[in-house]
Each structure stands twice: as structure tokens, then as C-alpha cells.
Amino acid sequence: MSGAPGGGSGLRRVLVTVVLVSAVLAGGIVWLFRDELFHPFGDARACEGSDAELPGEIRAGGATIPAGASDVHYFTRNGTAEVTFVSGRIPDYLHRAGILPEGEPLFDERYGTKAVAGDEIELPDGLCGSSLRGPVWIYHSTSPTGTSVDVMVERSPLVDDSFRFPARAVVTYDLASADVGAVEPVGRTPWS
């Protein structure tokens, strides 16, 4: 009530402008960091419902996942981790993890088994990311501490003795064994 007509309206316009600019800036910041804000632990690789954070360099089943792997996601629950990634270096990972001994054929039935051959295979419950494309091969191994490691990998639909390139893999393992060295392959998988 300054007595001057419209004296308070200028202040009101300034306040409205400040509030609008602040809201736009806040919205921009939320949009910019949306992956970190809406994923468990602020990790865009973590799937909703995960109860444990994995380190930046994921050690799955006795070896780090291949350098340069893409579309990496994980789901952790009750001491178990499921990690999915895409890489052209799956055989190297299998050898480093001790899941498939050096020099052995990729699809030796002593170390794994043929599985679902459908066009698209859903990821395990809770694990986010793109689905697997069939056919897939499943390796099952046991670490020196007795915990199991399962690896599903996309096979080539055209060439019998190779993986897709690049291939998606899903590794399931006990978090307690994440720092254990190589695992020992076993004969049959739980899906055979």
C-alpha cells in the first residue's frame, strides 16, 4: 500500500520470475541427473529392487566382466547377484573365470548345455536390460568354496560353434564368492 498505483505488482512480477527460473533450473538438473536419481545407489547399472551395490569394476563369477562391455545391468538380492552385459569377448571372460578351460570347445557338453532356442528369452526376474536372443548356451560351474556360477550366453543362430557377435551374457553368482578366483566347471546345469 505505497499509494502509488501498481507499486506492489512490480515486486510480484520479479518474485514470479525468480520462482519460474528456479523451477526451470531445478527441473533441468533433475532431468540431467535422472539416471543417478532414480536408480538404486545412484548407479544407472543397478536394477530396481537391488539390495546391494556392486563396485565400478564388476567381478562376476571369478573374473571381471570384459573391458568395454556395454549395456551392463545388475540385480542383487539376498546375497546373490545377476549381471548382464554385451561383449565380443565372452570366450576370454569364460576362460579367465575358469568356467571353460583354455583349449576346450565353446559348446562342450561337459561344461554346459544347449538351452532355450526361442527368438527372445526374458531376463531373470528383477534383472533389467534387453532380453537375450536365442539360441542360448548355459554354463554351470562351482567355485573352490562350493558356490555356483551360472552363465547364459547368446549362441550364433547361423554358425554352430560360435557366439553371436557381440553376445549378451547373464552371469548369476553368490556375492560372497565375487572375490574368489577361478571356478571349476561341472558336468550338467540345473536346466538340463
Protein backbone atom coordinates (compact mmCIF):
# COMPACT_ATOMS: atom_id res chain seq x y z
CA MET A 1 0.00 0.00 0.00
CA SER A 2 2.52 2.57 -1.07
CA GLY A 3 -0.17 4.73 -2.51
CA ALA A 4 1.36 4.53 -5.98
CA PRO A 5 -0.74 2.58 -8.40
CA GLY A 6 0.87 -0.79 -9.36
CA GLY A 7 3.76 -0.39 -6.85
CA GLY A 8 3.39 -3.93 -5.50
CA SER A 9 2.84 -5.55 -8.88
CA GLY A 10 6.46 -4.94 -9.97
CA LEU A 11 7.74 -6.81 -6.93
CA ARG A 12 5.22 -9.55 -7.57
CA ARG A 13 6.45 -9.91 -11.19
CA VAL A 14 10.06 -10.18 -10.01
CA LEU A 15 9.13 -12.86 -7.46
CA VAL A 16 7.14 -14.84 -10.04
CA THR A 17 10.04 -14.62 -12.49
CA VAL A 18 12.53 -15.80 -9.86
CA VAL A 19 10.28 -18.73 -8.90
CA LEU A 20 9.79 -19.73 -12.55
CA VAL A 21 13.51 -19.52 -13.36
CA SER A 22 14.31 -21.55 -10.22
CA ALA A 23 11.73 -24.20 -11.17
CA VAL A 24 13.16 -24.47 -14.71
CA LEU A 25 16.71 -24.79 -13.36
CA ALA A 26 15.66 -27.41 -10.80
CA GLY A 27 13.79 -29.35 -13.49
CA GLY A 28 16.84 -29.21 -15.76
CA ILE A 29 19.10 -30.52 -13.03
CA VAL A 30 16.69 -33.37 -12.24
CA TRP A 31 16.50 -34.25 -15.96
CA LEU A 32 20.29 -34.09 -16.33
CA PHE A 33 20.89 -36.43 -13.40
CA ARG A 34 17.74 -38.55 -13.75
CA ASP A 35 19.66 -41.84 -14.10
CA GLU A 36 21.56 -41.23 -10.87
CA LEU A 37 18.47 -40.03 -9.04
CA PHE A 38 16.11 -42.88 -9.86
CA HIS A 39 18.36 -45.96 -9.70
CA PRO A 40 19.35 -47.79 -6.54
CA PHE A 41 22.58 -46.39 -5.08
CA GLY A 42 22.62 -43.72 -7.84
CA ASP A 43 24.08 -46.39 -10.16
CA ALA A 44 22.44 -46.49 -13.61
CA ARG A 45 23.54 -50.15 -13.93
CA ALA A 46 21.56 -51.22 -10.83
CA CYS A 47 18.07 -52.58 -11.41
CA GLU A 48 15.13 -51.57 -9.26
CA GLY A 49 14.90 -53.65 -6.08
CA SER A 50 18.64 -54.37 -5.79
CA ASP A 51 19.70 -54.63 -2.16
CA ALA A 52 23.50 -54.41 -2.57
CA GLU A 53 25.67 -52.12 -4.67
CA LEU A 54 28.32 -53.64 -6.95
CA PRO A 55 31.66 -51.89 -7.48
CA GLY A 56 32.52 -49.91 -10.60
CA GLU A 57 34.54 -52.85 -11.92
CA ILE A 58 32.20 -55.81 -11.61
CA ARG A 59 33.81 -59.13 -10.71
CA ALA A 60 31.24 -61.72 -11.72
CA GLY A 61 31.86 -65.40 -11.13
CA GLY A 62 35.60 -65.17 -10.51
CA ALA A 63 36.68 -62.63 -13.15
CA THR A 64 35.95 -59.04 -14.09
CA ILE A 65 33.48 -58.64 -16.90
CA PRO A 66 35.21 -57.84 -20.21
CA ALA A 67 36.63 -54.35 -20.63
CA GLY A 68 34.44 -52.36 -22.96
CA ALA A 69 31.31 -54.39 -22.17
CA SER A 70 28.14 -52.42 -22.91
CA ASP A 71 24.54 -52.42 -21.71
CA VAL A 72 25.71 -53.54 -18.24
CA HIS A 73 22.99 -54.05 -15.62
CA TYR A 74 22.79 -55.92 -12.33
CA PHE A 75 20.26 -57.09 -9.79
CA THR A 76 21.25 -58.13 -6.27
CA ARG A 77 19.04 -59.92 -3.77
CA ASN A 78 19.73 -61.92 -0.62
CA GLY A 79 23.47 -62.32 -1.28
CA THR A 80 23.10 -63.28 -4.96
CA ALA A 81 23.94 -61.16 -7.99
CA GLU A 82 22.76 -61.38 -11.59
CA VAL A 83 24.78 -59.35 -14.07
CA THR A 84 24.00 -58.89 -17.76
CA PHE A 85 26.30 -57.32 -20.34
CA VAL A 86 27.07 -57.33 -24.05
CA SER A 87 30.58 -58.06 -25.29
CA GLY A 88 32.54 -59.51 -28.18
CA ARG A 89 34.98 -61.01 -25.64
CA ILE A 90 32.80 -63.67 -24.00
CA PRO A 91 35.22 -66.59 -24.61
CA ASP A 92 38.02 -64.62 -22.91
CA TYR A 93 35.74 -63.96 -19.91
CA LEU A 94 34.80 -67.67 -19.66
CA HIS A 95 38.49 -68.68 -19.70
CA ARG A 96 39.56 -66.02 -17.15
CA ALA A 97 36.73 -67.03 -14.81
CA GLY A 98 37.73 -70.70 -15.11
CA ILE A 99 34.26 -71.61 -16.37
CA LEU A 100 35.61 -73.03 -19.64
CA PRO A 101 39.19 -74.36 -19.68
CA GLU A 102 41.57 -72.99 -22.33
CA GLY A 103 41.61 -75.09 -25.48
CA GLU A 104 38.19 -76.64 -24.92
CA PRO A 105 35.42 -76.13 -27.49
CA LEU A 106 32.91 -73.42 -26.57
CA PHE A 107 30.00 -75.82 -26.60
CA ASP A 108 31.46 -78.90 -24.92
CA GLU A 109 28.63 -80.59 -23.02
CA ARG A 110 30.98 -81.32 -20.10
CA TYR A 111 30.78 -77.61 -19.23
CA GLY A 112 27.34 -76.54 -20.36
CA THR A 113 24.20 -77.34 -22.23
CA LYS A 114 22.02 -76.02 -25.02
CA ALA A 115 19.01 -74.19 -23.69
CA VAL A 116 16.03 -72.25 -24.96
CA ALA A 117 16.09 -71.61 -28.69
CA GLY A 118 13.29 -69.01 -28.86
CA ASP A 119 13.82 -65.69 -30.60
CA GLU A 120 13.67 -63.69 -27.36
CA ILE A 121 14.35 -65.01 -23.88
CA GLU A 122 13.33 -62.92 -20.89
CA LEU A 123 15.97 -62.00 -18.36
CA PRO A 124 15.63 -63.48 -14.86
CA ASP A 125 13.07 -61.75 -12.61
CA GLY A 126 14.33 -58.41 -11.37
CA LEU A 127 17.19 -58.10 -13.87
CA CYS A 128 16.69 -55.13 -16.19
CA GLY A 129 18.04 -54.61 -19.67
CA SER A 130 17.44 -56.09 -23.10
CA SER A 131 16.28 -59.69 -23.35
CA LEU A 132 18.50 -62.48 -24.62
CA ARG A 133 18.17 -63.63 -28.21
CA GLY A 134 18.05 -67.36 -28.76
CA PRO A 135 19.52 -69.80 -29.01
CA VAL A 136 21.47 -69.69 -25.74
CA TRP A 137 24.08 -71.89 -24.08
CA ILE A 138 24.26 -72.26 -20.30
CA TYR A 139 27.47 -72.94 -18.40
CA HIS A 140 27.36 -74.12 -14.79
CA SER A 141 30.45 -74.08 -12.60
CA THR A 142 31.33 -74.35 -8.94
CA SER A 143 33.85 -72.10 -7.22
CA PRO A 144 36.54 -73.52 -4.91
CA THR A 145 34.30 -72.52 -1.97
CA GLY A 146 31.42 -74.60 -3.36
CA THR A 147 29.22 -71.75 -4.59
CA SER A 148 27.71 -71.99 -8.05
CA VAL A 149 28.21 -69.72 -11.04
CA ASP A 150 25.81 -69.89 -13.98
CA VAL A 151 26.43 -68.11 -17.28
CA MET A 152 23.86 -67.87 -20.10
CA VAL A 153 25.28 -66.69 -23.44
CA GLU A 154 23.66 -66.00 -26.81
CA ARG A 155 24.79 -68.50 -29.46
CA SER A 156 25.02 -67.66 -33.11
CA PRO A 157 21.85 -68.79 -34.91
CA LEU A 158 23.89 -69.29 -38.09
CA VAL A 159 27.23 -70.79 -37.03
CA ASP A 160 27.11 -73.82 -34.71
CA ASP A 161 30.44 -73.27 -32.98
CA SER A 162 30.33 -69.58 -32.06
CA PHE A 163 28.53 -66.96 -30.04
CA ARG A 164 26.67 -64.01 -31.50
CA PHE A 165 28.97 -61.06 -32.01
CA PRO A 166 28.67 -59.22 -29.78
CA ALA A 167 26.77 -61.52 -27.44
CA ARG A 168 24.70 -60.81 -24.35
CA ALA A 169 25.60 -62.83 -21.27
CA VAL A 170 23.83 -63.24 -17.94
CA VAL A 171 26.03 -64.29 -15.00
CA THR A 172 24.44 -65.45 -11.74
CA TYR A 173 26.69 -65.90 -8.70
CA ASP A 174 26.89 -65.65 -4.91
CA LEU A 175 28.18 -62.24 -3.81
CA ALA A 176 30.32 -63.92 -1.15
CA SER A 177 32.26 -65.64 -3.95
CA ALA A 178 32.74 -62.46 -6.01
CA ASP A 179 36.37 -62.11 -4.94
CA VAL A 180 37.16 -65.82 -5.25
CA GLY A 181 39.41 -66.82 -8.12
CA ALA A 182 38.56 -69.19 -10.93
CA VAL A 183 35.75 -71.69 -10.62
CA GLU A 184 35.71 -75.35 -11.51
CA PRO A 185 33.36 -76.45 -14.30
CA VAL A 186 30.85 -79.17 -13.55
CA GLY A 187 29.09 -81.53 -15.92
CA ARG A 188 25.41 -80.58 -16.11
CA THR A 189 23.38 -77.47 -15.47
CA PRO A 190 20.25 -77.16 -13.40
CA TRP A 191 18.31 -76.56 -16.65
CA SER A 192 19.38 -79.83 -18.32
